[in-house]
PDB file of N, CA and C in Angstrom:
ATOM      1  N   MET A   1      -1.371  19.271   9.825  1.00  0.00           N
ATOM      2  CA  MET A   1      -2.748  19.501   9.218  1.00  0.00           C
ATOM      3  C   MET A   1      -2.896  20.584   8.931  1.00  0.00           C
ATOM      4  N   ARG A   2      -3.449  20.851   7.556  1.00  0.00           N
ATOM      5  CA  ARG A   2      -3.997  22.047   6.711  1.00  0.00           C
ATOM      6  C   ARG A   2      -5.546  21.255   6.362  1.00  0.00           C
ATOM      7  N   PHE A   3      -6.497  22.500   6.557  1.00  0.00           N
ATOM      8  CA  PHE A   3      -8.092  22.363   5.562  1.00  0.00           C
ATOM      9  C   PHE A   3      -8.611  23.000   4.786  1.00  0.00           C
ATOM     10  N   ALA A   4      -8.859  22.440   3.262  1.00  0.00           N
ATOM     11  CA  ALA A   4      -9.118  23.394   2.409  1.00  0.00           C
ATOM     12  C   ALA A   4     -10.823  23.377   2.282  1.00  0.00           C
ATOM     13  N   GLY A   5     -11.043  24.125   1.929  1.00  0.00           N
ATOM     14  CA  GLY A   5     -12.737  24.049   1.244  1.00  0.00           C
ATOM     15  C   GLY A   5     -12.770  23.939  -0.527  1.00  0.00           C
ATOM     16  N   VAL A   6     -13.232  22.455  -0.540  1.00  0.00           N
ATOM     17  CA  VAL A   6     -14.144  22.334  -2.521  1.00  0.00           C
ATOM     18  C   VAL A   6     -13.291  23.657  -3.563  1.00  0.00           C
ATOM     19  N   LYS A   7     -14.254  25.212  -2.486  1.00  0.00           N
ATOM     20  CA  LYS A   7     -13.645  26.737  -3.447  1.00  0.00           C
ATOM     21  C   LYS A   7     -12.341  26.806  -3.536  1.00  0.00           C
ATOM     22  N   GLU A   8     -12.303  26.427  -2.930  1.00  0.00           N
ATOM     23  CA  GLU A   8      -9.953  27.106  -2.546  1.00  0.00           C
ATOM     24  C   GLU A   8      -9.099  26.036  -4.318  1.00  0.00           C
ATOM     25  N   LEU A   9      -9.603  24.549  -3.626  1.00  0.00           N
ATOM     26  CA  LEU A   9      -8.976  23.985  -3.665  1.00  0.00           C
ATOM     27  C   LEU A   9      -9.270  23.670  -5.503  1.00  0.00           C
ATOM     28  N   LYS A  10     -10.315  23.752  -5.862  1.00  0.00           N
ATOM     29  CA  LYS A  10     -10.948  24.782  -7.701  1.00  0.00           C
ATOM     30  C   LYS A  10      -9.460  25.645  -7.729  1.00  0.00           C
ATOM     31  N   GLN A  11     -10.468  26.975  -6.848  1.00  0.00           N
ATOM     32  CA  GLN A  11      -9.932  27.882  -7.372  1.00  0.00           C
ATOM     33  C   GLN A  11      -7.922  28.021  -7.073  1.00  0.00           C
ATOM     34  N   GLN A  12      -6.934  26.936  -6.239  1.00  0.00           N
ATOM     35  CA  GLN A  12      -6.173  27.425  -5.665  1.00  0.00           C
ATOM     36  C   GLN A  12      -5.132  25.613  -6.047  1.00  0.00           C
ATOM     37  N   THR A  13      -5.706  25.078  -7.181  1.00  0.00           N
ATOM     38  CA  THR A  13      -5.823  23.421  -6.929  1.00  0.00           C
ATOM     39  C   THR A  13      -3.518  23.153  -6.704  1.00  0.00           C
ATOM     40  N   MET A  14      -3.052  24.169  -8.012  1.00  0.00           N
ATOM     41  CA  MET A  14      -0.947  23.329  -8.002  1.00  0.00           C
ATOM     42  C   MET A  14      -0.886  24.278  -6.743  1.00  0.00           C
ATOM     43  N   ASP A  15      -1.477  25.245  -6.207  1.00  0.00           N
ATOM     44  CA  ASP A  15      -0.964  25.561  -4.396  1.00  0.00           C
ATOM     45  C   ASP A  15      -0.785  24.426  -4.026  1.00  0.00           C
ATOM     46  N   ILE A  16      -2.694  24.278  -3.709  1.00  0.00           N
ATOM     47  CA  ILE A  16      -2.229  23.185  -2.647  1.00  0.00           C
ATOM     48  C   ILE A  16      -1.874  21.525  -2.528  1.00  0.00           C
ATOM     49  N   LEU A  17      -1.782  21.344  -3.780  1.00  0.00           N
ATOM     50  CA  LEU A  17      -1.029  20.455  -4.675  1.00  0.00           C
ATOM     51  C   LEU A  17       0.521  20.184  -3.440  1.00  0.00           C
ATOM     52  N   ASN A  18       1.047  21.162  -3.787  1.00  0.00           N
ATOM     53  CA  ASN A  18       2.070  21.369  -3.788  1.00  0.00           C
ATOM     54  C   ASN A  18       2.452  21.438  -2.356  1.00  0.00           C
ATOM     55  N   ALA A  19       1.527  21.794  -1.522  1.00  0.00           N
ATOM     56  CA  ALA A  19       1.852  22.023   0.589  1.00  0.00           C
ATOM     57  C   ALA A  19       1.281  21.220   0.253  1.00  0.00           C
ATOM     58  N   SER A  20       0.862  20.038  -0.574  1.00  0.00           N
ATOM     59  CA  SER A  20       0.468  18.591   0.395  1.00  0.00           C
ATOM     60  C   SER A  20       1.647  17.435   0.243  1.00  0.00           C
ATOM     61  N   ILE A  21       3.128  18.305  -0.528  1.00  0.00           N
ATOM     62  CA  ILE A  21       4.077  17.893  -0.365  1.00  0.00           C
ATOM     63  C   ILE A  21       4.686  17.685   2.204  1.00  0.00           C
ATOM     64  N   LYS A  22       4.025  18.892   1.934  1.00  0.00           N
ATOM     65  CA  LYS A  22       4.782  19.076   3.263  1.00  0.00           C
ATOM     66  C   LYS A  22       4.150  18.857   4.493  1.00  0.00           C
ATOM     67  N   GLU A  23       2.851  18.404   4.468  1.00  0.00           N
ATOM     68  CA  GLU A  23       1.669  17.923   5.069  1.00  0.00           C
ATOM     69  C   GLU A  23       0.471  17.924   4.668  1.00  0.00           C
ATOM     70  N   ASP A  24       0.049  16.967   4.694  1.00  0.00           N
ATOM     71  CA  ASP A  24      -1.455  16.221   4.110  1.00  0.00           C
ATOM     72  C   ASP A  24      -2.734  17.793   4.437  1.00  0.00           C
ATOM     73  N   ILE A  25      -3.395  17.498   3.884  1.00  0.00           N
ATOM     74  CA  ILE A  25      -4.018  18.508   3.319  1.00  0.00           C
ATOM     75  C   ILE A  25      -5.984  18.044   3.625  1.00  0.00           C
ATOM     76  N   ILE A  26      -7.076  18.178   4.500  1.00  0.00           N
ATOM     77  CA  ILE A  26      -8.144  17.425   5.111  1.00  0.00           C
ATOM     78  C   ILE A  26      -8.777  18.908   3.861  1.00  0.00           C
ATOM     79  N   ILE A  27      -9.439  18.688   2.875  1.00  0.00           N
ATOM     80  CA  ILE A  27     -10.910  18.787   1.667  1.00  0.00           C
ATOM     81  C   ILE A  27     -12.252  18.706   2.491  1.00  0.00           C
ATOM     82  N   THR A  28     -12.532  19.757   2.521  1.00  0.00           N
ATOM     83  CA  THR A  28     -13.944  19.183   3.538  1.00  0.00           C
ATOM     84  C   THR A  28     -15.010  19.928   2.266  1.00  0.00           C
ATOM     85  N   ALA A  29     -15.510  19.869   2.818  1.00  0.00           N
ATOM     86  CA  ALA A  29     -17.280  20.265   1.836  1.00  0.00           C
ATOM     87  C   ALA A  29     -18.461  20.651   2.941  1.00  0.00           C
ATOM     88  N   TYR A  30     -19.161  21.513   2.056  1.00  0.00           N
ATOM     89  CA  TYR A  30     -20.016  22.706   4.062  1.00  0.00           C
ATOM     90  C   TYR A  30     -19.570  22.310   5.045  1.00  0.00           C
ATOM     91  N   GLY A  31     -17.683  22.400   5.207  1.00  0.00           N
ATOM     92  CA  GLY A  31     -18.138  22.565   6.197  1.00  0.00           C
ATOM     93  C   GLY A  31     -17.435  20.836   6.985  1.00  0.00           C
ATOM     94  N   LYS A  32     -17.694  19.889   5.958  1.00  0.00           N
ATOM     95  CA  LYS A  32     -17.546  18.881   6.329  1.00  0.00           C
ATOM     96  C   LYS A  32     -16.306  18.183   5.613  1.00  0.00           C
ATOM     97  N   PRO A  33     -15.469  17.222   6.494  1.00  0.00           N
ATOM     98  CA  PRO A  33     -14.668  16.938   5.598  1.00  0.00           C
ATOM     99  C   PRO A  33     -14.619  15.386   4.996  1.00  0.00           C
ATOM    100  N   THR A  34     -14.363  15.511   3.828  1.00  0.00           N
ATOM    101  CA  THR A  34     -14.327  14.601   2.373  1.00  0.00           C
ATOM    102  C   THR A  34     -13.670  13.408   2.007  1.00  0.00           C
ATOM    103  N   ALA A  35     -12.060  14.550   1.920  1.00  0.00           N
ATOM    104  CA  ALA A  35     -10.833  13.394   0.889  1.00  0.00           C
ATOM    105  C   ALA A  35      -9.471  14.222   2.449  1.00  0.00           C
ATOM    106  N   ILE A  36      -9.119  13.099   1.905  1.00  0.00           N
ATOM    107  CA  ILE A  36      -7.962  13.712   2.145  1.00  0.00           C
ATOM    108  C   ILE A  36      -7.328  13.275   0.945  1.00  0.00           C
ATOM    109  N   LEU A  37      -5.450  14.287   1.048  1.00  0.00           N
ATOM    110  CA  LEU A  37      -4.622  14.843  -0.528  1.00  0.00           C
ATOM    111  C   LEU A  37      -2.985  14.785   0.588  1.00  0.00           C
ATOM    112  N   HIS A  38      -3.075  13.980   0.372  1.00  0.00           N
ATOM    113  CA  HIS A  38      -2.199  13.515   0.425  1.00  0.00           C
ATOM    114  C   HIS A  38      -0.573  13.051   0.121  1.00  0.00           C
ATOM    115  N   HIS A  39       0.460  13.615   0.034  1.00  0.00           N
ATOM    116  CA  HIS A  39       0.971  13.469  -1.443  1.00  0.00           C
ATOM    117  C   HIS A  39       1.616  11.702  -1.208  1.00  0.00           C
ATOM    118  N   VAL A  40       2.103  12.099  -2.809  1.00  0.00           N
ATOM    119  CA  VAL A  40       2.370  10.245  -2.874  1.00  0.00           C
ATOM    120  C   VAL A  40       3.600  10.133  -4.126  1.00  0.00           C
ATOM    121  N   THR A  41       4.038   8.920  -4.394  1.00  0.00           N
ATOM    122  CA  THR A  41       5.233   9.282  -4.776  1.00  0.00           C
ATOM    123  C   THR A  41       5.385   8.148  -5.630  1.00  0.00           C
ATOM    124  N   GLU A  42       6.249   7.805  -6.627  1.00  0.00           N
ATOM    125  CA  GLU A  42       6.051   6.634  -7.552  1.00  0.00           C
ATOM    126  C   GLU A  42       5.897   4.966  -6.880  1.00  0.00           C
ATOM    127  N   GLU A  43       7.000   4.978  -5.816  1.00  0.00           N
ATOM    128  CA  GLU A  43       7.210   4.041  -5.588  1.00  0.00           C
ATOM    129  C   GLU A  43       6.049   3.515  -4.217  1.00  0.00           C
ATOM    130  N   ASP A  44       5.809   4.371  -4.009  1.00  0.00           N
ATOM    131  CA  ASP A  44       4.531   5.143  -3.279  1.00  0.00           C
ATOM    132  C   ASP A  44       3.179   4.279  -3.013  1.00  0.00           C
ATOM    133  N   LEU A  45       3.001   5.536  -4.420  1.00  0.00           N
ATOM    134  CA  LEU A  45       2.020   4.501  -5.954  1.00  0.00           C
ATOM    135  C   LEU A  45       1.202   2.722  -5.987  1.00  0.00           C
ATOM    136  N   ALA A  46       2.490   2.601  -6.351  1.00  0.00           N
ATOM    137  CA  ALA A  46       3.237   1.082  -6.625  1.00  0.00           C
ATOM    138  C   ALA A  46       2.768   0.824  -6.085  1.00  0.00           C
ATOM    139  N   ASP A  47       3.359   1.232  -4.754  1.00  0.00           N
ATOM    140  CA  ASP A  47       2.861   0.159  -3.696  1.00  0.00           C
ATOM    141  C   ASP A  47       1.103   0.344  -3.083  1.00  0.00           C
ATOM    142  N   TYR A  48       0.815   1.068  -3.182  1.00  0.00           N
ATOM    143  CA  TYR A  48      -0.625   1.031  -3.209  1.00  0.00           C
ATOM    144  C   TYR A  48      -1.522   0.478  -3.958  1.00  0.00           C
ATOM    145  N   LEU A  49      -0.867   0.328  -5.449  1.00  0.00           N
ATOM    146  CA  LEU A  49      -1.730   0.002  -6.009  1.00  0.00           C
ATOM    147  C   LEU A  49      -1.264  -1.843  -5.644  1.00  0.00           C
ATOM    148  N   ILE A  50      -0.016  -2.380  -5.539  1.00  0.00           N
ATOM    149  CA  ILE A  50      -0.305  -3.507  -5.450  1.00  0.00           C
ATOM    150  C   ILE A  50      -1.456  -3.680  -3.978  1.00  0.00           C
ATOM    151  N   GLU A  51      -1.174  -3.219  -3.242  1.00  0.00           N
ATOM    152  CA  GLU A  51      -1.547  -3.956  -1.271  1.00  0.00           C
ATOM    153  C   GLU A  51      -4.032  -3.204  -1.438  1.00  0.00           C
ATOM    154  N   ASN A  52      -3.488  -2.402  -2.386  1.00  0.00           N
ATOM    155  CA  ASN A  52      -5.537  -2.419  -2.767  1.00  0.00           C
ATOM    156  C   ASN A  52      -5.513  -3.112  -4.065  1.00  0.00           C
ATOM    157  N   ALA A  53      -5.147  -3.903  -4.588  1.00  0.00           N
ATOM    158  CA  ALA A  53      -5.677  -4.929  -5.772  1.00  0.00           C
ATOM    159  C   ALA A  53      -6.016  -5.899  -5.210  1.00  0.00           C
ATOM    160  N   PRO A  54      -7.579  -6.173  -5.265  1.00  0.00           N
ATOM    161  CA  PRO A  54      -8.640  -7.254  -5.529  1.00  0.00           C
ATOM    162  C   PRO A  54      -7.608  -8.284  -5.308  1.00  0.00           C
ATOM    163  N   ALA A  55      -6.556  -8.789  -6.401  1.00  0.00           N
ATOM    164  CA  ALA A  55      -6.272 -10.268  -7.015  1.00  0.00           C
ATOM    165  C   ALA A  55      -5.352 -10.436  -5.699  1.00  0.00           C
ATOM    166  N   PHE A  56      -4.909  -9.112  -5.033  1.00  0.00           N
ATOM    167  CA  PHE A  56      -3.391  -9.660  -4.116  1.00  0.00           C
ATOM    168  C   PHE A  56      -4.042  -9.591  -2.672  1.00  0.00           C
ATOM    169  N   LYS A  57      -4.995  -8.569  -3.059  1.00  0.00           N
ATOM    170  CA  LYS A  57      -5.433  -9.986  -1.095  1.00  0.00           C
ATOM    171  C   LYS A  57      -6.689 -10.809  -1.208  1.00  0.00           C
ATOM    172  N   THR A  58      -7.044 -11.132  -2.496  1.00  0.00           N
ATOM    173  CA  THR A  58      -7.409 -12.418  -2.005  1.00  0.00           C
ATOM    174  C   THR A  58      -6.466 -13.790  -2.184  1.00  0.00           C
ATOM    175  N   ARG A  59      -5.735 -13.170  -2.697  1.00  0.00           N
ATOM    176  CA  ARG A  59      -3.548 -14.478  -2.754  1.00  0.00           C
ATOM    177  C   ARG A  59      -3.506 -14.233  -1.675  1.00  0.00           C
ATOM    178  N   VAL A  60      -3.694 -12.662  -1.020  1.00  0.00           N
ATOM    179  CA  VAL A  60      -2.515 -12.634   0.293  1.00  0.00           C
ATOM    180  C   VAL A  60      -3.412 -13.795   1.749  1.00  0.00           C
ATOM    181  N   GLU A  61      -4.986 -13.799   1.424  1.00  0.00           N
ATOM    182  CA  GLU A  61      -6.010 -14.469   1.807  1.00  0.00           C
ATOM    183  C   GLU A  61      -5.811 -14.991   2.115  1.00  0.00           C
ATOM    184  N   GLU A  62      -5.966 -16.243   1.320  1.00  0.00           N
ATOM    185  CA  GLU A  62      -6.569 -18.105   0.463  1.00  0.00           C
ATOM    186  C   GLU A  62      -4.344 -18.574   0.993  1.00  0.00           C
ATOM    187  N   ALA A  63      -3.443 -17.451   1.477  1.00  0.00           N
ATOM    188  CA  ALA A  63      -1.921 -18.342   1.461  1.00  0.00           C
ATOM    189  C   ALA A  63      -2.635 -18.382   2.915  1.00  0.00           C
ATOM    190  N   ALA A  64      -3.107 -17.180   4.084  1.00  0.00           N
ATOM    191  CA  ALA A  64      -3.310 -16.503   5.528  1.00  0.00           C
ATOM    192  C   ALA A  64      -4.016 -18.423   5.773  1.00  0.00           C
ATOM    193  N   ALA A  65      -4.605 -18.751   4.876  1.00  0.00           N
ATOM    194  CA  ALA A  65      -6.086 -19.748   5.310  1.00  0.00           C
ATOM    195  C   ALA A  65      -5.500 -21.150   5.018  1.00  0.00           C
ATOM    196  N   GLU A  66      -4.922 -21.079   3.728  1.00  0.00           N
ATOM    197  CA  GLU A  66      -3.747 -22.171   3.963  1.00  0.00           C
ATOM    198  C   GLU A  66      -2.660 -22.941   5.245  1.00  0.00           C
ATOM    199  N   TYR A  67      -1.869 -21.560   5.260  1.00  0.00           N
ATOM    200  CA  TYR A  67      -1.261 -21.720   6.605  1.00  0.00           C
ATOM    201  C   TYR A  67      -2.534 -21.945   7.623  1.00  0.00           C
ATOM    202  N   ALA A  68      -3.249 -21.915   7.796  1.00  0.00           N
ATOM    203  CA  ALA A  68      -3.598 -22.156   8.920  1.00  0.00           C
ATOM    204  C   ALA A  68      -4.871 -23.727   9.191  1.00  0.00           C
ATOM    205  N   ALA A  69      -4.583 -24.260   7.667  1.00  0.00           N
ATOM    206  CA  ALA A  69      -5.313 -25.512   7.834  1.00  0.00           C
ATOM    207  C   ALA A  69      -4.406 -26.066   8.047  1.00  0.00           C
ATOM    208  N   HIS A  70      -3.130 -26.202   7.193  1.00  0.00           N
ATOM    209  CA  HIS A  70      -1.744 -26.840   6.971  1.00  0.00           C
ATOM    210  C   HIS A  70      -0.317 -26.634   7.820  1.00  0.00           C
ATOM    211  N   GLY A  71      -0.262 -25.480   8.536  1.00  0.00           N
ATOM    212  CA  GLY A  71       0.806 -25.112   9.481  1.00  0.00           C
ATOM    213  C   GLY A  71       2.017 -25.018   8.231  1.00  0.00           C
ATOM    214  N   GLY A  72       2.371 -24.259   8.485  1.00  0.00           N
ATOM    215  CA  GLY A  72       4.603 -23.495   7.753  1.00  0.00           C
ATOM    216  C   GLY A  72       4.947 -25.265   7.956  1.00  0.00           C
ATOM    217  N   ILE A  73       5.899 -24.645   7.422  1.00  0.00           N
ATOM    218  CA  ILE A  73       7.471 -24.948   7.546  1.00  0.00           C
ATOM    219  C   ILE A  73       8.652 -24.618   7.448  1.00  0.00           C
ATOM    220  N   ALA A  74       9.734 -25.125   8.334  1.00  0.00           N
ATOM    221  CA  ALA A  74      10.574 -25.055   9.386  1.00  0.00           C
ATOM    222  C   ALA A  74      11.320 -23.994   7.665  1.00  0.00           C
ATOM    223  N   ALA A  75      11.933 -23.103   8.612  1.00  0.00           N
ATOM    224  CA  ALA A  75      13.393 -23.118   7.640  1.00  0.00           C
ATOM    225  C   ALA A  75      14.502 -23.334   7.182  1.00  0.00           C
ATOM    226  N   ASP A  76      14.718 -24.266   7.301  1.00  0.00           N
ATOM    227  CA  ASP A  76      15.723 -25.425   6.982  1.00  0.00           C
ATOM    228  C   ASP A  76      15.023 -26.245   6.657  1.00  0.00           C
ATOM    229  N   ALA A  77      14.164 -27.005   6.398  1.00  0.00           N
ATOM    230  CA  ALA A  77      13.597 -27.983   5.607  1.00  0.00           C
ATOM    231  C   ALA A  77      13.324 -26.543   4.053  1.00  0.00           C
ATOM    232  N   LEU A  78      12.671 -25.304   4.679  1.00  0.00           N
ATOM    233  CA  LEU A  78      12.267 -24.522   3.609  1.00  0.00           C
ATOM    234  C   LEU A  78      13.793 -24.437   2.309  1.00  0.00           C
ATOM    235  N   ILE A  79      14.846 -24.089   2.847  1.00  0.00           N
ATOM    236  CA  ILE A  79      16.183 -23.995   2.635  1.00  0.00           C
ATOM    237  C   ILE A  79      16.524 -25.217   1.757  1.00  0.00           C
ATOM    238  N   LYS A  80      16.532 -26.408   2.822  1.00  0.00           N
ATOM    239  CA  LYS A  80      17.347 -27.656   2.004  1.00  0.00           C
ATOM    240  C   LYS A  80      16.134 -27.520   0.478  1.00  0.00           C
ATOM    241  N   LYS A  81      14.434 -27.217   0.516  1.00  0.00           N
ATOM    242  CA  LYS A  81      13.445 -28.032  -0.571  1.00  0.00           C
ATOM    243  C   LYS A  81      14.103 -26.978  -2.096  1.00  0.00           C
ATOM    244  N   LEU A  82      14.810 -25.253  -1.802  1.00  0.00           N
ATOM    245  CA  LEU A  82      14.812 -24.522  -2.408  1.00  0.00           C
ATOM    246  C   LEU A  82      16.309 -25.276  -3.015  1.00  0.00           C
ATOM    247  N   GLU A  83      17.113 -25.239  -2.460  1.00  0.00           N
ATOM    248  CA  GLU A  83      18.406 -26.199  -2.672  1.00  0.00           C
ATOM    249  C   GLU A  83      18.635 -27.083  -3.620  1.00  0.00           C
ATOM    250  N   ARG A  84      17.760 -28.163  -4.131  1.00  0.00           N
ATOM    251  CA  ARG A  84      17.072 -29.162  -4.308  1.00  0.00           C
ATOM    252  C   ARG A  84      16.611 -28.612  -5.975  1.00  0.00           C
ATOM    253  N   ARG A  85      15.881 -27.644  -5.226  1.00  0.00           N
ATOM    254  CA  ARG A  85      15.049 -27.475  -7.730  1.00  0.00           C
ATOM    255  C   ARG A  85      16.177 -26.737  -7.223  1.00  0.00           C
ATOM    256  N   ARG A  86      17.019 -26.064  -6.815  1.00  0.00           N
ATOM    257  CA  ARG A  86      17.761 -24.811  -7.855  1.00  0.00           C
ATOM    258  C   ARG A  86      19.226 -25.468  -8.347  1.00  0.00           C
ATOM    259  N   GLY A  87      18.336 -27.457  -7.551  1.00  0.00           N
ATOM    260  CA  GLY A  87      20.064 -27.275  -7.644  1.00  0.00           C
ATOM    261  C   GLY A  87      20.953 -27.729  -7.479  1.00  0.00           C
ATOM    262  N   THR A  88      21.504 -26.517  -6.584  1.00  0.00           N
ATOM    263  CA  THR A  88      22.725 -26.344  -5.977  1.00  0.00           C
ATOM    264  C   THR A  88      23.342 -27.358  -4.234  1.00  0.00           C
ATOM    265  N   LYS A  89      24.396 -26.875  -3.836  1.00  0.00           N
ATOM    266  CA  LYS A  89      24.779 -28.275  -2.629  1.00  0.00           C
ATOM    267  C   LYS A  89      25.495 -26.668  -1.791  1.00  0.00           C
ATOM    268  N   LYS A  90      24.854 -26.963  -0.409  1.00  0.00           N
ATOM    269  CA  LYS A  90      25.413 -26.156   0.055  1.00  0.00           C
ATOM    270  C   LYS A  90      27.350 -26.513   0.738  1.00  0.00           C
ATOM    271  N   VAL A  91      28.008 -25.754   0.856  1.00  0.00           N
ATOM    272  CA  VAL A  91      28.811 -24.928   0.908  1.00  0.00           C
ATOM    273  C   VAL A  91      29.668 -25.035   1.942  1.00  0.00           C
TER     274      VAL A  91
END
């Protein structure tokens, strides 16, 4: 883990971005940590955006509340329900 001040970040942005591939970099302002620079791939970004989308969080919370209120469904029952919906039969 490396520390870099705001001034260093401003002057050496590309070097610091490249260094973030190998390790996280803590950005400081006036000696206090203000941000963490963490390397992100396109796949990581997609996951991050989905996980932090307010609508997604709301749907997960609603599903958890519904499960808590009504209980779940057994795996065998779910498979049968899905097979009926698809119109396929078990071989």
